[in-house]
C-alpha atoms as a PDB file:
ATOM      1  CA  MET A   1       5.991  42.637  61.718  1.00  0.00           C
ATOM      2  CA  GLN A   2       2.710  42.899  59.835  1.00  0.00           C
ATOM      3  CA  PHE A   3       2.312  44.018  56.260  1.00  0.00           C
ATOM      4  CA  ASN A   4      -0.941  45.371  54.927  1.00  0.00           C
ATOM      5  CA  LEU A   5      -1.361  45.225  51.149  1.00  0.00           C
ATOM      6  CA  PRO A   6      -3.264  48.037  49.589  1.00  0.00           C
ATOM      7  CA  LYS A   7      -6.840  47.123  48.782  1.00  0.00           C
ATOM      8  CA  CYS A   8      -6.376  47.966  45.127  1.00  0.00           C
ATOM      9  CA  LEU A   9      -3.432  45.556  44.831  1.00  0.00           C
ATOM     10  CA  MET A  10      -5.432  42.726  46.417  1.00  0.00           C
ATOM     11  CA  ALA A  11      -8.283  43.316  44.016  1.00  0.00           C
ATOM     12  CA  GLY A  12      -5.886  43.043  41.060  1.00  0.00           C
ATOM     13  CA  ALA A  13      -4.518  39.757  42.368  1.00  0.00           C
ATOM     14  CA  ILE A  14      -8.031  38.313  42.628  1.00  0.00           C
ATOM     15  CA  ALA A  15      -8.780  39.374  39.052  1.00  0.00           C
ATOM     16  CA  VAL A  16      -5.677  37.590  37.770  1.00  0.00           C
ATOM     17  CA  ALA A  17      -6.613  34.459  39.674  1.00  0.00           C
ATOM     18  CA  CYS A  18     -10.126  34.475  38.262  1.00  0.00           C
ATOM     19  CA  SER A  19      -8.962  34.918  34.679  1.00  0.00           C
ATOM     20  CA  SER A  20      -6.655  31.908  34.959  1.00  0.00           C
ATOM     21  CA  ALA A  21      -9.335  29.710  36.524  1.00  0.00           C
ATOM     22  CA  PHE A  22     -12.029  30.315  33.863  1.00  0.00           C
ATOM     23  CA  ALA A  23     -11.058  29.731  30.169  1.00  0.00           C
ATOM     24  CA  ASP A  24     -12.231  32.306  27.685  1.00  0.00           C
ATOM     25  CA  SER A  25     -12.271  29.930  24.648  1.00  0.00           C
ATOM     26  CA  PHE A  26     -13.174  26.363  23.662  1.00  0.00           C
ATOM     27  CA  ASP A  27     -12.111  23.905  20.905  1.00  0.00           C
ATOM     28  CA  ILE A  28     -14.203  22.221  18.236  1.00  0.00           C
ATOM     29  CA  LYS A  29     -12.845  18.943  16.893  1.00  0.00           C
ATOM     30  CA  VAL A  30     -14.128  17.043  13.889  1.00  0.00           C
ATOM     31  CA  SER A  31     -13.289  13.369  13.380  1.00  0.00           C
ATOM     32  CA  GLY A  32     -14.499  10.455  11.289  1.00  0.00           C
ATOM     33  CA  VAL A  33     -13.458   7.997   8.618  1.00  0.00           C
ATOM     34  CA  ILE A  34     -14.502   7.952   4.986  1.00  0.00           C
ATOM     35  CA  LYS A  35     -14.488   4.276   4.130  1.00  0.00           C
ATOM     36  CA  PRO A  36     -15.528   2.786   0.787  1.00  0.00           C
ATOM     37  CA  ALA A  37     -18.275   0.192   1.026  1.00  0.00           C
ATOM     38  CA  ALA A  38     -17.245  -3.417   0.580  1.00  0.00           C
ATOM     39  CA  CYS A  39     -19.663  -5.678  -1.293  1.00  0.00           C
ATOM     40  CA  THR A  40     -19.704  -9.440  -1.759  1.00  0.00           C
ATOM     41  CA  PRO A  41     -21.495 -11.132  -4.681  1.00  0.00           C
ATOM     42  CA  THR A  42     -22.633 -14.721  -4.271  1.00  0.00           C
ATOM     43  CA  LEU A  43     -24.523 -17.236  -6.392  1.00  0.00           C
ATOM     44  CA  ALA A  44     -26.708 -19.584  -4.387  1.00  0.00           C
ATOM     45  CA  GLY A  45     -25.719 -22.555  -6.544  1.00  0.00           C
ATOM     46  CA  GLY A  46     -22.012 -21.773  -6.507  1.00  0.00           C
ATOM     47  CA  GLY A  47     -21.764 -20.545 -10.095  1.00  0.00           C
ATOM     48  CA  THR A  48     -21.636 -23.904 -11.912  1.00  0.00           C
ATOM     49  CA  PHE A  49     -24.220 -24.538 -14.626  1.00  0.00           C
ATOM     50  CA  ASP A  50     -23.918 -28.206 -15.522  1.00  0.00           C
ATOM     51  CA  TYR A  51     -25.618 -29.557 -18.637  1.00  0.00           C
ATOM     52  CA  GLY A  52     -24.604 -33.104 -17.782  1.00  0.00           C
ATOM     53  CA  ASN A  53     -24.567 -35.715 -20.529  1.00  0.00           C
ATOM     54  CA  ILE A  54     -25.851 -34.453 -23.870  1.00  0.00           C
ATOM     55  CA  GLY A  55     -26.727 -37.172 -26.354  1.00  0.00           C
ATOM     56  CA  THR A  56     -25.536 -36.661 -29.918  1.00  0.00           C
ATOM     57  CA  ALA A  57     -29.054 -37.419 -31.152  1.00  0.00           C
ATOM     58  CA  ALA A  58     -30.227 -34.242 -29.409  1.00  0.00           C
ATOM     59  CA  LEU A  59     -27.893 -32.085 -31.504  1.00  0.00           C
ATOM     60  CA  ASN A  60     -28.599 -30.671 -34.932  1.00  0.00           C
ATOM     61  CA  PRO A  61     -26.184 -31.622 -37.737  1.00  0.00           C
ATOM     62  CA  THR A  62     -27.001 -28.593 -39.890  1.00  0.00           C
ATOM     63  CA  ALA A  63     -27.772 -25.790 -37.418  1.00  0.00           C
ATOM     64  CA  LEU A  64     -26.875 -24.777 -33.890  1.00  0.00           C
ATOM     65  CA  THR A  65     -28.701 -26.400 -31.001  1.00  0.00           C
ATOM     66  CA  LEU A  66     -30.015 -24.269 -28.142  1.00  0.00           C
ATOM     67  CA  LEU A  67     -29.809 -26.014 -24.771  1.00  0.00           C
ATOM     68  CA  ASP A  68     -32.164 -25.416 -21.852  1.00  0.00           C
ATOM     69  CA  VAL A  69     -32.119 -22.167 -19.874  1.00  0.00           C
ATOM     70  CA  LYS A  70     -30.593 -22.567 -16.428  1.00  0.00           C
ATOM     71  CA  SER A  71     -30.837 -20.097 -13.563  1.00  0.00           C
ATOM     72  CA  ASP A  72     -29.430 -19.231 -10.160  1.00  0.00           C
ATOM     73  CA  THR A  73     -30.003 -16.543  -7.534  1.00  0.00           C
ATOM     74  CA  LEU A  74     -27.464 -13.726  -7.329  1.00  0.00           C
ATOM     75  CA  THR A  75     -27.106 -11.707  -4.133  1.00  0.00           C
ATOM     76  CA  ILE A  76     -24.779  -8.748  -3.649  1.00  0.00           C
ATOM     77  CA  THR A  77     -24.377  -7.831   0.009  1.00  0.00           C
ATOM     78  CA  CYS A  78     -22.634  -4.599   1.038  1.00  0.00           C
ATOM     79  CA  ASP A  79     -21.496  -3.447   4.482  1.00  0.00           C
ATOM     80  CA  ALA A  80     -22.827   0.048   3.727  1.00  0.00           C
ATOM     81  CA  VAL A  81     -25.162   1.582   1.178  1.00  0.00           C
ATOM     82  CA  ALA A  82     -23.385   1.514  -2.191  1.00  0.00           C
ATOM     83  CA  ARG A  83     -23.891   1.946  -5.911  1.00  0.00           C
ATOM     84  CA  VAL A  84     -22.455  -0.994  -7.805  1.00  0.00           C
ATOM     85  CA  ALA A  85     -22.230  -2.340 -11.329  1.00  0.00           C
ATOM     86  CA  LEU A  86     -21.065  -5.608 -12.864  1.00  0.00           C
ATOM     87  CA  LYS A  87     -18.564  -6.238 -15.649  1.00  0.00           C
ATOM     88  CA  GLY A  88     -18.009  -9.471 -17.571  1.00  0.00           C
ATOM     89  CA  ALA A  89     -14.885 -11.098 -18.993  1.00  0.00           C
ATOM     90  CA  ASP A  90     -14.675 -14.251 -21.103  1.00  0.00           C
ATOM     91  CA  ASN A  91     -11.897 -16.512 -19.860  1.00  0.00           C
ATOM     92  CA  ARG A  92     -12.349 -18.593 -23.004  1.00  0.00           C
ATOM     93  CA  ALA A  93     -12.198 -15.627 -25.364  1.00  0.00           C
ATOM     94  CA  GLY A  94     -11.864 -16.572 -29.023  1.00  0.00           C
ATOM     95  CA  THR A  95     -13.678 -19.893 -28.629  1.00  0.00           C
ATOM     96  CA  GLY A  96     -17.182 -18.646 -29.392  1.00  0.00           C
ATOM     97  CA  ALA A  97     -18.583 -20.561 -32.345  1.00  0.00           C
ATOM     98  CA  PHE A  98     -20.881 -17.890 -33.733  1.00  0.00           C
ATOM     99  CA  THR A  99     -20.194 -14.528 -35.326  1.00  0.00           C
ATOM    100  CA  SER A 100     -23.824 -13.467 -35.623  1.00  0.00           C
ATOM    101  CA  ALA A 101     -26.732 -13.128 -33.211  1.00  0.00           C
ATOM    102  CA  VAL A 102     -28.122 -16.207 -31.473  1.00  0.00           C
ATOM    103  CA  GLY A 103     -31.641 -16.506 -30.063  1.00  0.00           C
ATOM    104  CA  PHE A 104     -30.698 -16.900 -26.404  1.00  0.00           C
ATOM    105  CA  PHE A 105     -33.739 -16.497 -24.107  1.00  0.00           C
ATOM    106  CA  GLY A 106     -35.829 -15.800 -27.218  1.00  0.00           C
ATOM    107  CA  LEU A 107     -33.832 -12.647 -27.968  1.00  0.00           C
ATOM    108  CA  ASN A 108     -31.276 -11.836 -30.648  1.00  0.00           C
ATOM    109  CA  VAL A 109     -28.032 -11.758 -28.680  1.00  0.00           C
ATOM    110  CA  GLY A 110     -25.077 -10.399 -30.655  1.00  0.00           C
ATOM    111  CA  ALA A 111     -21.617 -11.943 -30.722  1.00  0.00           C
ATOM    112  CA  ASN A 112     -20.209  -9.341 -28.298  1.00  0.00           C
ATOM    113  CA  TRP A 113     -22.551 -10.662 -25.615  1.00  0.00           C
ATOM    114  CA  GLN A 114     -21.702 -14.325 -26.227  1.00  0.00           C
ATOM    115  CA  TYR A 115     -19.079 -16.314 -24.312  1.00  0.00           C
ATOM    116  CA  GLY A 116     -17.073 -19.265 -25.627  1.00  0.00           C
ATOM    117  CA  LEU A 117     -17.528 -22.902 -24.622  1.00  0.00           C
ATOM    118  CA  GLY A 118     -13.936 -23.906 -25.352  1.00  0.00           C
ATOM    119  CA  THR A 119     -12.574 -26.087 -28.125  1.00  0.00           C
ATOM    120  CA  ALA A 120     -12.485 -29.770 -29.032  1.00  0.00           C
ATOM    121  CA  SER A 121     -10.186 -31.181 -31.705  1.00  0.00           C
ATOM    122  CA  GLY A 122      -9.371 -27.620 -32.703  1.00  0.00           C
ATOM    123  CA  LYS A 123     -13.018 -26.697 -33.253  1.00  0.00           C
ATOM    124  CA  ASN A 124     -15.026 -24.123 -31.284  1.00  0.00           C
ATOM    125  CA  ILE A 125     -17.793 -26.042 -29.528  1.00  0.00           C
ATOM    126  CA  GLY A 126     -20.404 -23.329 -29.167  1.00  0.00           C
ATOM    127  CA  SER A 127     -21.305 -20.254 -27.140  1.00  0.00           C
ATOM    128  CA  TYR A 128     -23.445 -19.210 -24.200  1.00  0.00           C
ATOM    129  CA  ALA A 129     -24.926 -16.028 -22.843  1.00  0.00           C
ATOM    130  CA  PHE A 130     -26.058 -15.018 -19.399  1.00  0.00           C
ATOM    131  CA  ARG A 131     -28.076 -12.125 -18.087  1.00  0.00           C
ATOM    132  CA  PHE A 132     -29.384 -10.642 -14.894  1.00  0.00           C
ATOM    133  CA  LYS A 133     -33.041 -11.226 -15.652  1.00  0.00           C
ATOM    134  CA  PRO A 134     -34.980  -7.955 -15.770  1.00  0.00           C
ATOM    135  CA  GLY A 135     -37.991  -7.805 -13.483  1.00  0.00           C
ATOM    136  CA  THR A 136     -36.476 -10.154 -10.892  1.00  0.00           C
ATOM    137  CA  PHE A 137     -34.072  -7.798  -9.118  1.00  0.00           C
ATOM    138  CA  THR A 138     -34.626  -5.816  -5.945  1.00  0.00           C
ATOM    139  CA  ALA A 139     -32.461  -3.311  -4.062  1.00  0.00           C
ATOM    140  CA  ASP A 140     -33.093  -3.426  -0.320  1.00  0.00           C
ATOM    141  CA  GLY A 141     -36.405  -5.089  -1.102  1.00  0.00           C
ATOM    142  CA  ALA A 142     -37.638  -2.563  -3.674  1.00  0.00           C
ATOM    143  CA  LYS A 143     -38.054  -3.595  -7.325  1.00  0.00           C
ATOM    144  CA  VAL A 144     -35.482  -2.083  -9.681  1.00  0.00           C
ATOM    145  CA  ASP A 145     -34.913  -1.830 -13.425  1.00  0.00           C
ATOM    146  CA  SER A 146     -31.873  -3.158 -15.281  1.00  0.00           C
ATOM    147  CA  ILE A 147     -29.617  -0.517 -16.846  1.00  0.00           C
ATOM    148  CA  ASP A 148     -26.238  -0.571 -18.584  1.00  0.00           C
ATOM    149  CA  SER A 149     -23.495   1.773 -19.700  1.00  0.00           C
ATOM    150  CA  ALA A 150     -21.031   1.689 -22.586  1.00  0.00           C
ATOM    151  CA  ASN A 151     -18.866   4.517 -21.199  1.00  0.00           C
ATOM    152  CA  ALA A 152     -17.893   3.380 -17.700  1.00  0.00           C
ATOM    153  CA  GLY A 153     -20.937   4.960 -16.091  1.00  0.00           C
ATOM    154  CA  SER A 154     -20.955   8.409 -17.680  1.00  0.00           C
ATOM    155  CA  SER A 155     -24.426   7.686 -19.060  1.00  0.00           C
ATOM    156  CA  TRP A 156     -26.937   4.870 -18.690  1.00  0.00           C
ATOM    157  CA  THR A 157     -29.730   3.292 -20.710  1.00  0.00           C
ATOM    158  CA  SER A 158     -32.386   0.647 -20.088  1.00  0.00           C
ATOM    159  CA  SER A 159     -31.011  -2.874 -20.412  1.00  0.00           C
ATOM    160  CA  SER A 160     -31.943  -6.491 -21.055  1.00  0.00           C
ATOM    161  CA  GLY A 161     -29.473  -7.505 -18.353  1.00  0.00           C
ATOM    162  CA  PHE A 162     -26.614  -8.839 -20.517  1.00  0.00           C
ATOM    163  CA  LEU A 163     -22.898  -8.232 -19.952  1.00  0.00           C
ATOM    164  CA  ALA A 164     -20.546  -7.882 -22.913  1.00  0.00           C
ATOM    165  CA  SER A 165     -17.904 -10.602 -22.983  1.00  0.00           C
ATOM    166  CA  ASN A 166     -15.078  -8.096 -23.507  1.00  0.00           C
ATOM    167  CA  GLY A 167     -15.932  -5.922 -20.501  1.00  0.00           C
ATOM    168  CA  SER A 168     -16.874  -2.932 -22.648  1.00  0.00           C
ATOM    169  CA  TRP A 169     -20.293  -2.546 -20.988  1.00  0.00           C
ATOM    170  CA  ILE A 170     -21.228  -2.515 -17.313  1.00  0.00           C
ATOM    171  CA  GLY A 171     -24.626  -3.341 -15.874  1.00  0.00           C
ATOM    172  CA  SER A 172     -26.437  -2.007 -12.820  1.00  0.00           C
ATOM    173  CA  TRP A 173     -29.923  -1.269 -11.479  1.00  0.00           C
ATOM    174  CA  ALA A 174     -32.055   1.837 -11.084  1.00  0.00           C
ATOM    175  CA  LYS A 175     -35.292   2.801  -9.375  1.00  0.00           C
ATOM    176  CA  THR A 176     -38.303   1.907 -11.504  1.00  0.00           C
ATOM    177  CA  GLY A 177     -38.628   4.255 -14.453  1.00  0.00           C
ATOM    178  CA  LEU A 178     -35.192   5.833 -13.970  1.00  0.00           C
ATOM    179  CA  THR A 179     -31.753   5.213 -15.482  1.00  0.00           C
ATOM    180  CA  VAL A 180     -29.539   6.322 -12.584  1.00  0.00           C
ATOM    181  CA  PRO A 181     -27.834   3.576 -10.513  1.00  0.00           C
ATOM    182  CA  VAL A 182     -29.563   3.094  -7.181  1.00  0.00           C
ATOM    183  CA  ALA A 183     -27.675   2.801  -3.886  1.00  0.00           C
ATOM    184  CA  ALA A 184     -28.508  -0.094  -1.562  1.00  0.00           C
ATOM    185  CA  LYS A 185     -26.992  -2.604   0.832  1.00  0.00           C
ATOM    186  CA  VAL A 186     -28.509  -5.764  -0.679  1.00  0.00           C
ATOM    187  CA  PHE A 187     -29.210  -6.453  -4.343  1.00  0.00           C
ATOM    188  CA  THR A 188     -30.770  -9.764  -5.311  1.00  0.00           C
ATOM    189  CA  GLY A 189     -32.358 -11.391  -8.352  1.00  0.00           C
ATOM    190  CA  THR A 190     -32.081 -14.131 -10.961  1.00  0.00           C
ATOM    191  CA  LEU A 191     -29.084 -14.849 -13.165  1.00  0.00           C
ATOM    192  CA  GLU A 192     -30.047 -17.012 -16.124  1.00  0.00           C
ATOM    193  CA  LEU A 193     -27.765 -18.745 -18.608  1.00  0.00           C
ATOM    194  CA  GLN A 194     -28.267 -20.543 -21.903  1.00  0.00           C
ATOM    195  CA  ALA A 195     -25.762 -22.390 -24.078  1.00  0.00           C
ATOM    196  CA  ALA A 196     -25.812 -23.282 -27.769  1.00  0.00           C
ATOM    197  CA  ILE A 197     -23.823 -26.036 -29.494  1.00  0.00           C
ATOM    198  CA  ASP A 198     -22.555 -25.563 -33.036  1.00  0.00           C
ATOM    199  CA  LYS A 199     -23.934 -27.828 -35.761  1.00  0.00           C
ATOM    200  CA  THR A 200     -22.419 -31.271 -35.418  1.00  0.00           C
ATOM    201  CA  SER A 201     -21.113 -31.193 -38.993  1.00  0.00           C
ATOM    202  CA  ASN A 202     -18.544 -28.673 -37.700  1.00  0.00           C
ATOM    203  CA  LEU A 203     -17.474 -30.867 -34.775  1.00  0.00           C
ATOM    204  CA  ASP A 204     -15.594 -34.138 -34.375  1.00  0.00           C
ATOM    205  CA  MET A 205     -18.367 -36.302 -32.973  1.00  0.00           C
ATOM    206  CA  SER A 206     -16.165 -39.408 -32.809  1.00  0.00           C
ATOM    207  CA  LYS A 207     -14.714 -38.178 -29.508  1.00  0.00           C
ATOM    208  CA  GLN A 208     -16.129 -36.955 -26.229  1.00  0.00           C
ATOM    209  CA  ILE A 209     -16.625 -33.208 -26.182  1.00  0.00           C
ATOM    210  CA  ASP A 210     -16.436 -31.384 -22.873  1.00  0.00           C
ATOM    211  CA  LEU A 211     -18.100 -28.018 -22.545  1.00  0.00           C
ATOM    212  CA  ASP A 212     -15.583 -25.627 -20.995  1.00  0.00           C
ATOM    213  CA  GLY A 213     -17.128 -22.209 -20.521  1.00  0.00           C
ATOM    214  CA  LEU A 214     -15.616 -19.919 -17.912  1.00  0.00           C
ATOM    215  CA  ALA A 215     -16.453 -16.273 -17.300  1.00  0.00           C
ATOM    216  CA  SER A 216     -15.491 -13.809 -14.588  1.00  0.00           C
ATOM    217  CA  VAL A 217     -17.951 -11.213 -13.338  1.00  0.00           C
ATOM    218  CA  SER A 218     -16.417  -8.332 -11.411  1.00  0.00           C
ATOM    219  CA  LEU A 219     -17.956  -5.684  -9.176  1.00  0.00           C
ATOM    220  CA  VAL A 220     -17.483  -2.070 -10.159  1.00  0.00           C
ATOM    221  CA  TYR A 221     -18.035   0.550  -7.446  1.00  0.00           C
ATOM    222  CA  LEU A 222     -19.722   3.669  -8.802  1.00  0.00           C
END
């Protein structure tokens, strides 16, 4: 027996088949990962500034003695473009020998920017300061200016490159002439340090005195 479907029914079946074979919509998907940059600071010389043997004859009995300026190269390398700052902490807090400014690097550096050199026979030995020397730093090869902030980055001012020993200030870098932290993958420049020994009349010079300064410098991501 032979059945003949009406032409109109066959046409409807074809229309249904076509609508199922060809989609009338498409999807849009968005993916990705927001990942904070990771940066690594390194000092070429390892971070030890050794004054070696200091003869007592080289020290002043009635005034502090400034020792030579020492320097090292700091490099901060990031795995992506980042804005960073640095914060200091004195691991020998309370052992600074001076309560007033000292002429580190030919500048008047206040007590808040000085770090302690430890104690000997119950006496504070001296202090030191370090700074990220202005004019030596680059960000991805471009020269940058030193800036710092006393309010965790809410505002910035030009800087001499020092870090407060109590962590109350942070330091960073900006494009020349600006005071906004610059973003880069590689920051590099000179860290310089200078120590001062208290007048020997305040110290027990009958015994060996070991300088024992220790500071931590931490990265702050902005």
